[in-house]
Amino acid sequence: MVPVTFFLALAAILFCIGLYGVLTRRHLVIVLVCIELMLNSVNINLVAFSAIGPFANITGQVFTLFVITVAAAEAAVGLAILIALYRNRNSIDVIKHDLLRW
């Protein structure tokens, strides 16, 4: 059996990679992918923590399903916003979309 610390280290590394991508990249598609990577690292933590303890149960797996559902909705809405921005401004560069008006 693999120790829980390995899963926690993997999740921390994935979260840091996703956070780095969100903070440094200018391409909106890459930013969305990095957010998905961060959500997947949270899923790893939820499943790892549900397996430990005196009463191991499936609570972590249930929360993981909710996170996957929210991530799918986030991806759909994010891509719809991305398409709308591209149609209006002909660019998906994050730096160019700093105005809050049309």
PDB file of N, CA and C in Angstrom:
ATOM      1  N   MET A   1       0.842  -1.183   0.000  1.00  0.00           N
ATOM      2  CA  MET A   1       0.000   0.000   0.000  1.00  0.00           C
ATOM      3  C   MET A   1       0.886   1.244   0.000  1.00  0.00           C
ATOM      4  N   VAL A   2       0.514   2.202  -0.804  1.00  0.00           N
ATOM      5  CA  VAL A   2       1.280   3.438  -0.950  1.00  0.00           C
ATOM      6  C   VAL A   2       0.921   4.384   0.203  1.00  0.00           C
ATOM      7  N   PRO A   3       1.912   4.984   0.847  1.00  0.00           N
ATOM      8  CA  PRO A   3       1.605   5.922   1.932  1.00  0.00           C
ATOM      9  C   PRO A   3       0.871   7.162   1.434  1.00  0.00           C
ATOM     10  N   VAL A   4       0.106   7.754   2.313  1.00  0.00           N
ATOM     11  CA  VAL A   4      -0.693   8.924   1.954  1.00  0.00           C
ATOM     12  C   VAL A   4       0.200  10.123   1.635  1.00  0.00           C
ATOM     13  N   THR A   5       1.363  10.179   2.217  1.00  0.00           N
ATOM     14  CA  THR A   5       2.246  11.317   1.971  1.00  0.00           C
ATOM     15  C   THR A   5       2.668  11.426   0.512  1.00  0.00           C
ATOM     16  N   PHE A   6       2.759  10.294  -0.177  1.00  0.00           N
ATOM     17  CA  PHE A   6       3.085  10.351  -1.606  1.00  0.00           C
ATOM     18  C   PHE A   6       1.962  11.021  -2.398  1.00  0.00           C
ATOM     19  N   PHE A   7       0.723  10.701  -2.057  1.00  0.00           N
ATOM     20  CA  PHE A   7      -0.405  11.329  -2.734  1.00  0.00           C
ATOM     21  C   PHE A   7      -0.472  12.821  -2.419  1.00  0.00           C
ATOM     22  N   LEU A   8      -0.192  13.174  -1.174  1.00  0.00           N
ATOM     23  CA  LEU A   8      -0.213  14.581  -0.795  1.00  0.00           C
ATOM     24  C   LEU A   8       0.905  15.356  -1.482  1.00  0.00           C
ATOM     25  N   ALA A   9       2.070  14.745  -1.614  1.00  0.00           N
ATOM     26  CA  ALA A   9       3.169  15.406  -2.317  1.00  0.00           C
ATOM     27  C   ALA A   9       2.838  15.578  -3.798  1.00  0.00           C
ATOM     28  N   LEU A  10       2.251  14.547  -4.408  1.00  0.00           N
ATOM     29  CA  LEU A  10       1.846  14.655  -5.815  1.00  0.00           C
ATOM     30  C   LEU A  10       0.815  15.754  -5.999  1.00  0.00           C
ATOM     31  N   ALA A  11      -0.164  15.815  -5.111  1.00  0.00           N
ATOM     32  CA  ALA A  11      -1.191  16.849  -5.208  1.00  0.00           C
ATOM     33  C   ALA A  11      -0.595  18.236  -5.016  1.00  0.00           C
ATOM     34  N   ALA A  12       0.348  18.373  -4.099  1.00  0.00           N
ATOM     35  CA  ALA A  12       0.977  19.675  -3.881  1.00  0.00           C
ATOM     36  C   ALA A  12       1.781  20.113  -5.104  1.00  0.00           C
ATOM     37  N   ILE A  13       2.490  19.167  -5.720  1.00  0.00           N
ATOM     38  CA  ILE A  13       3.261  19.494  -6.921  1.00  0.00           C
ATOM     39  C   ILE A  13       2.334  19.901  -8.063  1.00  0.00           C
ATOM     40  N   LEU A  14       1.254  19.157  -8.270  1.00  0.00           N
ATOM     41  CA  LEU A  14       0.303  19.502  -9.327  1.00  0.00           C
ATOM     42  C   LEU A  14      -0.352  20.859  -9.070  1.00  0.00           C
ATOM     43  N   PHE A  15      -0.690  21.137  -7.811  1.00  0.00           N
ATOM     44  CA  PHE A  15      -1.310  22.424  -7.491  1.00  0.00           C
ATOM     45  C   PHE A  15      -0.332  23.567  -7.748  1.00  0.00           C
ATOM     46  N   CYS A  16       0.931  23.381  -7.394  1.00  0.00           N
ATOM     47  CA  CYS A  16       1.924  24.431  -7.629  1.00  0.00           C
ATOM     48  C   CYS A  16       2.156  24.669  -9.121  1.00  0.00           C
ATOM     49  N   ILE A  17       2.161  23.594  -9.905  1.00  0.00           N
ATOM     50  CA  ILE A  17       2.304  23.746 -11.356  1.00  0.00           C
ATOM     51  C   ILE A  17       1.107  24.503 -11.927  1.00  0.00           C
ATOM     52  N   GLY A  18      -0.091  24.159 -11.475  1.00  0.00           N
ATOM     53  CA  GLY A  18      -1.287  24.860 -11.937  1.00  0.00           C
ATOM     54  C   GLY A  18      -1.299  26.324 -11.519  1.00  0.00           C
ATOM     55  N   LEU A  19      -0.890  26.603 -10.287  1.00  0.00           N
ATOM     56  CA  LEU A  19      -0.845  27.983  -9.807  1.00  0.00           C
ATOM     57  C   LEU A  19       0.181  28.795 -10.583  1.00  0.00           C
ATOM     58  N   TYR A  20       1.322  28.199 -10.857  1.00  0.00           N
ATOM     59  CA  TYR A  20       2.337  28.875 -11.666  1.00  0.00           C
ATOM     60  C   TYR A  20       1.795  29.197 -13.063  1.00  0.00           C
ATOM     61  N   GLY A  21       1.076  28.240 -13.645  1.00  0.00           N
ATOM     62  CA  GLY A  21       0.510  28.473 -14.971  1.00  0.00           C
ATOM     63  C   GLY A  21      -0.540  29.564 -14.978  1.00  0.00           C
ATOM     64  N   VAL A  22      -1.363  29.619 -13.939  1.00  0.00           N
ATOM     65  CA  VAL A  22      -2.400  30.651 -13.875  1.00  0.00           C
ATOM     66  C   VAL A  22      -1.774  32.032 -13.707  1.00  0.00           C
ATOM     67  N   LEU A  23      -0.727  32.116 -12.910  1.00  0.00           N
ATOM     68  CA  LEU A  23      -0.134  33.416 -12.610  1.00  0.00           C
ATOM     69  C   LEU A  23       0.795  33.932 -13.696  1.00  0.00           C
ATOM     70  N   THR A  24       1.353  33.058 -14.517  1.00  0.00           N
ATOM     71  CA  THR A  24       2.364  33.517 -15.470  1.00  0.00           C
ATOM     72  C   THR A  24       1.929  33.466 -16.929  1.00  0.00           C
ATOM     73  N   ARG A  25       0.966  32.677 -17.293  1.00  0.00           N
ATOM     74  CA  ARG A  25       0.615  32.523 -18.710  1.00  0.00           C
ATOM     75  C   ARG A  25      -0.354  33.615 -19.150  1.00  0.00           C
ATOM     76  N   ARG A  26      -0.285  33.945 -20.431  1.00  0.00           N
ATOM     77  CA  ARG A  26      -1.148  34.979 -20.979  1.00  0.00           C
ATOM     78  C   ARG A  26      -2.245  34.410 -21.873  1.00  0.00           C
ATOM     79  N   HIS A  27      -2.147  33.170 -22.242  1.00  0.00           N
ATOM     80  CA  HIS A  27      -3.116  32.539 -23.137  1.00  0.00           C
ATOM     81  C   HIS A  27      -4.271  31.980 -22.305  1.00  0.00           C
ATOM     82  N   LEU A  28      -5.495  32.353 -22.643  1.00  0.00           N
ATOM     83  CA  LEU A  28      -6.646  31.978 -21.821  1.00  0.00           C
ATOM     84  C   LEU A  28      -6.897  30.477 -21.781  1.00  0.00           C
ATOM     85  N   VAL A  29      -6.626  29.773 -22.854  1.00  0.00           N
ATOM     86  CA  VAL A  29      -6.831  28.319 -22.859  1.00  0.00           C
ATOM     87  C   VAL A  29      -5.870  27.646 -21.883  1.00  0.00           C
ATOM     88  N   ILE A  30      -4.631  28.113 -21.854  1.00  0.00           N
ATOM     89  CA  ILE A  30      -3.655  27.562 -20.919  1.00  0.00           C
ATOM     90  C   ILE A  30      -4.067  27.861 -19.482  1.00  0.00           C
ATOM     91  N   VAL A  31      -4.611  29.034 -19.241  1.00  0.00           N
ATOM     92  CA  VAL A  31      -5.081  29.380 -17.895  1.00  0.00           C
ATOM     93  C   VAL A  31      -6.212  28.445 -17.473  1.00  0.00           C
ATOM     94  N   LEU A  32      -7.138  28.147 -18.375  1.00  0.00           N
ATOM     95  CA  LEU A  32      -8.224  27.216 -18.051  1.00  0.00           C
ATOM     96  C   LEU A  32      -7.698  25.809 -17.773  1.00  0.00           C
ATOM     97  N   VAL A  33      -6.720  25.369 -18.533  1.00  0.00           N
ATOM     98  CA  VAL A  33      -6.130  24.049 -18.304  1.00  0.00           C
ATOM     99  C   VAL A  33      -5.427  24.007 -16.949  1.00  0.00           C
ATOM    100  N   CYS A  34      -4.766  25.082 -16.590  1.00  0.00           N
ATOM    101  CA  CYS A  34      -4.080  25.125 -15.287  1.00  0.00           C
ATOM    102  C   CYS A  34      -5.075  25.130 -14.136  1.00  0.00           C
ATOM    103  N   ILE A  35      -6.214  25.767 -14.305  1.00  0.00           N
ATOM    104  CA  ILE A  35      -7.256  25.722 -13.276  1.00  0.00           C
ATOM    105  C   ILE A  35      -7.788  24.295 -13.134  1.00  0.00           C
ATOM    106  N   GLU A  36      -7.951  23.610 -14.243  1.00  0.00           N
ATOM    107  CA  GLU A  36      -8.375  22.211 -14.187  1.00  0.00           C
ATOM    108  C   GLU A  36      -7.326  21.351 -13.475  1.00  0.00           C
ATOM    109  N   LEU A  37      -6.064  21.640 -13.702  1.00  0.00           N
ATOM    110  CA  LEU A  37      -4.996  20.909 -13.025  1.00  0.00           C
ATOM    111  C   LEU A  37      -5.046  21.131 -11.515  1.00  0.00           C
ATOM    112  N   MET A  38      -5.338  22.355 -11.109  1.00  0.00           N
ATOM    113  CA  MET A  38      -5.472  22.647  -9.681  1.00  0.00           C
ATOM    114  C   MET A  38      -6.662  21.916  -9.077  1.00  0.00           C
ATOM    115  N   LEU A  39      -7.770  21.861  -9.796  1.00  0.00           N
ATOM    116  CA  LEU A  39      -8.940  21.139  -9.289  1.00  0.00           C
ATOM    117  C   LEU A  39      -8.666  19.636  -9.194  1.00  0.00           C
ATOM    118  N   ASN A  40      -7.904  19.096 -10.124  1.00  0.00           N
ATOM    119  CA  ASN A  40      -7.557  17.678 -10.049  1.00  0.00           C
ATOM    120  C   ASN A  40      -6.634  17.376  -8.874  1.00  0.00           C
ATOM    121  N   SER A  41      -5.774  18.312  -8.517  1.00  0.00           N
ATOM    122  CA  SER A  41      -4.943  18.098  -7.332  1.00  0.00           C
ATOM    123  C   SER A  41      -5.791  18.102  -6.067  1.00  0.00           C
ATOM    124  N   VAL A  42      -6.831  18.902  -6.043  1.00  0.00           N
ATOM    125  CA  VAL A  42      -7.766  18.878  -4.911  1.00  0.00           C
ATOM    126  C   VAL A  42      -8.481  17.531  -4.854  1.00  0.00           C
ATOM    127  N   ASN A  43      -8.829  16.987  -6.000  1.00  0.00           N
ATOM    128  CA  ASN A  43      -9.472  15.669  -6.040  1.00  0.00           C
ATOM    129  C   ASN A  43      -8.553  14.582  -5.481  1.00  0.00           C
ATOM    130  N   ILE A  44      -7.273  14.664  -5.806  1.00  0.00           N
ATOM    131  CA  ILE A  44      -6.322  13.685  -5.254  1.00  0.00           C
ATOM    132  C   ILE A  44      -6.282  13.780  -3.743  1.00  0.00           C
ATOM    133  N   ASN A  45      -6.273  15.004  -3.219  1.00  0.00           N
ATOM    134  CA  ASN A  45      -6.285  15.182  -1.761  1.00  0.00           C
ATOM    135  C   ASN A  45      -7.549  14.626  -1.130  1.00  0.00           C
ATOM    136  N   LEU A  46      -8.691  14.871  -1.743  1.00  0.00           N
ATOM    137  CA  LEU A  46      -9.949  14.378  -1.179  1.00  0.00           C
ATOM    138  C   LEU A  46      -9.981  12.854  -1.112  1.00  0.00           C
ATOM    139  N   VAL A  47      -9.552  12.207  -2.166  1.00  0.00           N
ATOM    140  CA  VAL A  47      -9.551  10.744  -2.184  1.00  0.00           C
ATOM    141  C   VAL A  47      -8.506  10.196  -1.211  1.00  0.00           C
ATOM    142  N   ALA A  48      -7.345  10.848  -1.112  1.00  0.00           N
ATOM    143  CA  ALA A  48      -6.312  10.381  -0.196  1.00  0.00           C
ATOM    144  C   ALA A  48      -6.758  10.515   1.253  1.00  0.00           C
ATOM    145  N   PHE A  49      -7.405  11.615   1.591  1.00  0.00           N
ATOM    146  CA  PHE A  49      -7.843  11.800   2.970  1.00  0.00           C
ATOM    147  C   PHE A  49      -9.039  10.931   3.324  1.00  0.00           C
ATOM    148  N   SER A  50      -9.819  10.532   2.333  1.00  0.00           N
ATOM    149  CA  SER A  50     -10.958   9.660   2.651  1.00  0.00           C
ATOM    150  C   SER A  50     -10.508   8.230   2.944  1.00  0.00           C
ATOM    151  N   ALA A  51      -9.308   7.877   2.527  1.00  0.00           N
ATOM    152  CA  ALA A  51      -8.811   6.514   2.740  1.00  0.00           C
ATOM    153  C   ALA A  51      -8.146   6.322   4.095  1.00  0.00           C
ATOM    154  N   ILE A  52      -7.821   7.417   4.782  1.00  0.00           N
ATOM    155  CA  ILE A  52      -7.142   7.287   6.068  1.00  0.00           C
ATOM    156  C   ILE A  52      -8.126   7.520   7.201  1.00  0.00           C
ATOM    157  N   GLY A  53      -7.693   7.208   8.390  1.00  0.00           N
ATOM    158  CA  GLY A  53      -8.515   7.414   9.569  1.00  0.00           C
ATOM    159  C   GLY A  53      -9.086   6.107  10.081  1.00  0.00           C
ATOM    160  N   PRO A  54      -9.644   6.145  11.294  1.00  0.00           N
ATOM    161  CA  PRO A  54     -10.176   4.905  11.868  1.00  0.00           C
ATOM    162  C   PRO A  54     -11.436   4.417  11.151  1.00  0.00           C
ATOM    163  N   PHE A  55     -12.195   5.341  10.568  1.00  0.00           N
ATOM    164  CA  PHE A  55     -13.419   4.970   9.850  1.00  0.00           C
ATOM    165  C   PHE A  55     -13.311   5.466   8.413  1.00  0.00           C
ATOM    166  N   ALA A  56     -12.622   4.718   7.599  1.00  0.00           N
ATOM    167  CA  ALA A  56     -12.471   5.099   6.193  1.00  0.00           C
ATOM    168  C   ALA A  56     -13.818   4.946   5.495  1.00  0.00           C
ATOM    169  N   ASN A  57     -14.219   5.988   4.785  1.00  0.00           N
ATOM    170  CA  ASN A  57     -15.506   5.963   4.100  1.00  0.00           C
ATOM    171  C   ASN A  57     -15.373   6.575   2.708  1.00  0.00           C
ATOM    172  N   ILE A  58     -16.484   6.759   2.048  1.00  0.00           N
ATOM    173  CA  ILE A  58     -16.461   7.245   0.667  1.00  0.00           C
ATOM    174  C   ILE A  58     -16.799   8.728   0.576  1.00  0.00           C
ATOM    175  N   THR A  59     -16.689   9.459   1.663  1.00  0.00           N
ATOM    176  CA  THR A  59     -17.019  10.881   1.641  1.00  0.00           C
ATOM    177  C   THR A  59     -16.126  11.643   0.668  1.00  0.00           C
ATOM    178  N   GLY A  60     -14.846  11.324   0.643  1.00  0.00           N
ATOM    179  CA  GLY A  60     -13.927  11.993  -0.284  1.00  0.00           C
ATOM    180  C   GLY A  60     -14.270  11.741  -1.737  1.00  0.00           C
ATOM    181  N   GLN A  61     -14.702  10.510  -2.041  1.00  0.00           N
ATOM    182  CA  GLN A  61     -15.081  10.203  -3.419  1.00  0.00           C
ATOM    183  C   GLN A  61     -16.347  10.963  -3.822  1.00  0.00           C
ATOM    184  N   VAL A  62     -17.272  11.136  -2.889  1.00  0.00           N
ATOM    185  CA  VAL A  62     -18.502  11.876  -3.197  1.00  0.00           C
ATOM    186  C   VAL A  62     -18.180  13.341  -3.458  1.00  0.00           C
ATOM    187  N   PHE A  63     -17.331  13.931  -2.621  1.00  0.00           N
ATOM    188  CA  PHE A  63     -16.927  15.320  -2.856  1.00  0.00           C
ATOM    189  C   PHE A  63     -16.143  15.453  -4.153  1.00  0.00           C
ATOM    190  N   THR A  64     -15.373  14.437  -4.492  1.00  0.00           N
ATOM    191  CA  THR A  64     -14.639  14.459  -5.753  1.00  0.00           C
ATOM    192  C   THR A  64     -15.581  14.490  -6.943  1.00  0.00           C
ATOM    193  N   LEU A  65     -16.668  13.746  -6.872  1.00  0.00           N
ATOM    194  CA  LEU A  65     -17.663  13.804  -7.957  1.00  0.00           C
ATOM    195  C   LEU A  65     -18.262  15.195  -8.084  1.00  0.00           C
ATOM    196  N   PHE A  66     -18.513  15.854  -6.966  1.00  0.00           N
ATOM    197  CA  PHE A  66     -19.025  17.223  -7.017  1.00  0.00           C
ATOM    198  C   PHE A  66     -17.995  18.179  -7.626  1.00  0.00           C
ATOM    199  N   VAL A  67     -16.733  17.997  -7.277  1.00  0.00           N
ATOM    200  CA  VAL A  67     -15.682  18.853  -7.833  1.00  0.00           C
ATOM    201  C   VAL A  67     -15.539  18.622  -9.336  1.00  0.00           C
ATOM    202  N   ILE A  68     -15.643  17.380  -9.776  1.00  0.00           N
ATOM    203  CA  ILE A  68     -15.579  17.089 -11.211  1.00  0.00           C
ATOM    204  C   ILE A  68     -16.747  17.736 -11.941  1.00  0.00           C
ATOM    205  N   THR A  69     -17.936  17.711 -11.331  1.00  0.00           N
ATOM    206  CA  THR A  69     -19.108  18.354 -11.931  1.00  0.00           C
ATOM    207  C   THR A  69     -18.909  19.856 -12.047  1.00  0.00           C
ATOM    208  N   VAL A  70     -18.406  20.468 -10.992  1.00  0.00           N
ATOM    209  CA  VAL A  70     -18.148  21.909 -11.021  1.00  0.00           C
ATOM    210  C   VAL A  70     -17.059  22.235 -12.041  1.00  0.00           C
ATOM    211  N   ALA A  71     -16.044  21.393 -12.148  1.00  0.00           N
ATOM    212  CA  ALA A  71     -14.972  21.618 -13.119  1.00  0.00           C
ATOM    213  C   ALA A  71     -15.495  21.526 -14.550  1.00  0.00           C
ATOM    214  N   ALA A  72     -16.404  20.606 -14.802  1.00  0.00           N
ATOM    215  CA  ALA A  72     -16.980  20.498 -16.151  1.00  0.00           C
ATOM    216  C   ALA A  72     -17.809  21.736 -16.475  1.00  0.00           C
ATOM    217  N   ALA A  73     -18.582  22.212 -15.508  1.00  0.00           N
ATOM    218  CA  ALA A  73     -19.364  23.431 -15.732  1.00  0.00           C
ATOM    219  C   ALA A  73     -18.449  24.636 -15.915  1.00  0.00           C
ATOM    220  N   GLU A  74     -17.368  24.681 -15.149  1.00  0.00           N
ATOM    221  CA  GLU A  74     -16.412  25.780 -15.273  1.00  0.00           C
ATOM    222  C   GLU A  74     -15.756  25.771 -16.645  1.00  0.00           C
ATOM    223  N   ALA A  75     -15.424  24.605 -17.147  1.00  0.00           N
ATOM    224  CA  ALA A  75     -14.808  24.509 -18.467  1.00  0.00           C
ATOM    225  C   ALA A  75     -15.776  24.950 -19.557  1.00  0.00           C
ATOM    226  N   ALA A  76     -17.040  24.566 -19.439  1.00  0.00           N
ATOM    227  CA  ALA A  76     -18.027  24.951 -20.451  1.00  0.00           C
ATOM    228  C   ALA A  76     -18.259  26.461 -20.448  1.00  0.00           C
ATOM    229  N   VAL A  77     -18.417  27.036 -19.267  1.00  0.00           N
ATOM    230  CA  VAL A  77     -18.638  28.480 -19.176  1.00  0.00           C
ATOM    231  C   VAL A  77     -17.379  29.237 -19.586  1.00  0.00           C
ATOM    232  N   GLY A  78     -16.221  28.744 -19.173  1.00  0.00           N
ATOM    233  CA  GLY A  78     -14.968  29.403 -19.539  1.00  0.00           C
ATOM    234  C   GLY A  78     -14.735  29.400 -21.043  1.00  0.00           C
ATOM    235  N   LEU A  79     -15.022  28.284 -21.691  1.00  0.00           N
ATOM    236  CA  LEU A  79     -14.855  28.244 -23.150  1.00  0.00           C
ATOM    237  C   LEU A  79     -15.883  29.117 -23.859  1.00  0.00           C
ATOM    238  N   ALA A  80     -17.091  29.215 -23.320  1.00  0.00           N
ATOM    239  CA  ALA A  80     -18.090  30.107 -23.915  1.00  0.00           C
ATOM    240  C   ALA A  80     -17.656  31.565 -23.787  1.00  0.00           C
ATOM    241  N   ILE A  81     -17.120  31.938 -22.640  1.00  0.00           N
ATOM    242  CA  ILE A  81     -16.607  33.300 -22.467  1.00  0.00           C
ATOM    243  C   ILE A  81     -15.421  33.542 -23.388  1.00  0.00           C
ATOM    244  N   LEU A  82     -14.568  32.541 -23.533  1.00  0.00           N
ATOM    245  CA  LEU A  82     -13.411  32.656 -24.408  1.00  0.00           C
ATOM    246  C   LEU A  82     -13.829  32.883 -25.858  1.00  0.00           C
ATOM    247  N   ILE A  83     -14.831  32.158 -26.311  1.00  0.00           N
ATOM    248  CA  ILE A  83     -15.320  32.335 -27.685  1.00  0.00           C
ATOM    249  C   ILE A  83     -15.932  33.722 -27.862  1.00  0.00           C
ATOM    250  N   ALA A  84     -16.683  34.189 -26.867  1.00  0.00           N
ATOM    251  CA  ALA A  84     -17.280  35.524 -26.952  1.00  0.00           C
ATOM    252  C   ALA A  84     -16.208  36.608 -26.980  1.00  0.00           C
ATOM    253  N   LEU A  85     -15.172  36.462 -26.163  1.00  0.00           N
ATOM    254  CA  LEU A  85     -14.083  37.438 -26.179  1.00  0.00           C
ATOM    255  C   LEU A  85     -13.348  37.432 -27.507  1.00  0.00           C
ATOM    256  N   TYR A  86     -13.135  36.257 -28.065  1.00  0.00           N
ATOM    257  CA  TYR A  86     -12.426  36.183 -29.340  1.00  0.00           C
ATOM    258  C   TYR A  86     -13.247  36.812 -30.465  1.00  0.00           C
ATOM    259  N   ARG A  87     -14.551  36.628 -30.422  1.00  0.00           N
ATOM    260  CA  ARG A  87     -15.388  37.224 -31.463  1.00  0.00           C
ATOM    261  C   ARG A  87     -15.414  38.740 -31.368  1.00  0.00           C
ATOM    262  N   ASN A  88     -15.345  39.280 -30.161  1.00  0.00           N
ATOM    263  CA  ASN A  88     -15.415  40.732 -29.997  1.00  0.00           C
ATOM    264  C   ASN A  88     -14.072  41.424 -30.184  1.00  0.00           C
ATOM    265  N   ARG A  89     -13.000  40.822 -29.718  1.00  0.00           N
ATOM    266  CA  ARG A  89     -11.694  41.483 -29.728  1.00  0.00           C
ATOM    267  C   ARG A  89     -10.680  40.838 -30.663  1.00  0.00           C
ATOM    268  N   ASN A  90     -10.964  39.686 -31.229  1.00  0.00           N
ATOM    269  CA  ASN A  90     -10.063  38.950 -32.113  1.00  0.00           C
ATOM    270  C   ASN A  90      -8.735  38.599 -31.441  1.00  0.00           C
ATOM    271  N   SER A  91      -8.788  38.352 -30.147  1.00  0.00           N
ATOM    272  CA  SER A  91      -7.595  37.963 -29.414  1.00  0.00           C
ATOM    273  C   SER A  91      -8.019  37.234 -28.145  1.00  0.00           C
ATOM    274  N   ILE A  92      -7.193  36.281 -27.704  1.00  0.00           N
ATOM    275  CA  ILE A  92      -7.461  35.616 -26.429  1.00  0.00           C
ATOM    276  C   ILE A  92      -6.302  35.827 -25.472  1.00  0.00           C
ATOM    277  N   ASP A  93      -5.578  36.919 -25.662  1.00  0.00           N
ATOM    278  CA  ASP A  93      -4.493  37.286 -24.765  1.00  0.00           C
ATOM    279  C   ASP A  93      -5.076  37.928 -23.509  1.00  0.00           C
ATOM    280  N   VAL A  94      -4.633  37.480 -22.355  1.00  0.00           N
ATOM    281  CA  VAL A  94      -5.181  37.956 -21.085  1.00  0.00           C
ATOM    282  C   VAL A  94      -4.892  39.431 -20.874  1.00  0.00           C
ATOM    283  N   ILE A  95      -3.740  39.896 -21.294  1.00  0.00           N
ATOM    284  CA  ILE A  95      -3.333  41.282 -21.076  1.00  0.00           C
ATOM    285  C   ILE A  95      -4.238  42.253 -21.832  1.00  0.00           C
ATOM    286  N   LYS A  96      -4.711  41.870 -22.988  1.00  0.00           N
ATOM    287  CA  LYS A  96      -5.533  42.762 -23.805  1.00  0.00           C
ATOM    288  C   LYS A  96      -6.968  42.873 -23.305  1.00  0.00           C
ATOM    289  N   HIS A  97      -7.390  42.020 -22.396  1.00  0.00           N
ATOM    290  CA  HIS A  97      -8.763  42.038 -21.904  1.00  0.00           C
ATOM    291  C   HIS A  97      -8.805  42.612 -20.492  1.00  0.00           C
ATOM    292  N   ASP A  98      -8.452  43.884 -20.381  1.00  0.00           N
ATOM    293  CA  ASP A  98      -8.438  44.503 -19.075  1.00  0.00           C
ATOM    294  C   ASP A  98      -9.544  45.538 -18.884  1.00  0.00           C
ATOM    295  N   LEU A  99     -10.347  45.777 -19.889  1.00  0.00           N
ATOM    296  CA  LEU A  99     -11.438  46.746 -19.779  1.00  0.00           C
ATOM    297  C   LEU A  99     -12.707  46.050 -19.315  1.00  0.00           C
ATOM    298  N   LEU A 100     -13.497  46.741 -18.510  1.00  0.00           N
ATOM    299  CA  LEU A 100     -14.753  46.182 -18.033  1.00  0.00           C
ATOM    300  C   LEU A 100     -15.948  46.769 -18.787  1.00  0.00           C
ATOM    301  N   ARG A 101     -15.718  47.219 -19.974  1.00  0.00           N
ATOM    302  CA  ARG A 101     -16.810  47.749 -20.797  1.00  0.00           C
ATOM    303  C   ARG A 101     -16.691  47.172 -22.198  1.00  0.00           C
ATOM    304  N   TRP A 102     -17.742  47.323 -22.972  1.00  0.00           N
ATOM    305  CA  TRP A 102     -17.730  46.813 -24.351  1.00  0.00           C
ATOM    306  C   TRP A 102     -17.192  47.908 -25.202  1.00  0.00           C
TER     307      TRP A 102
END
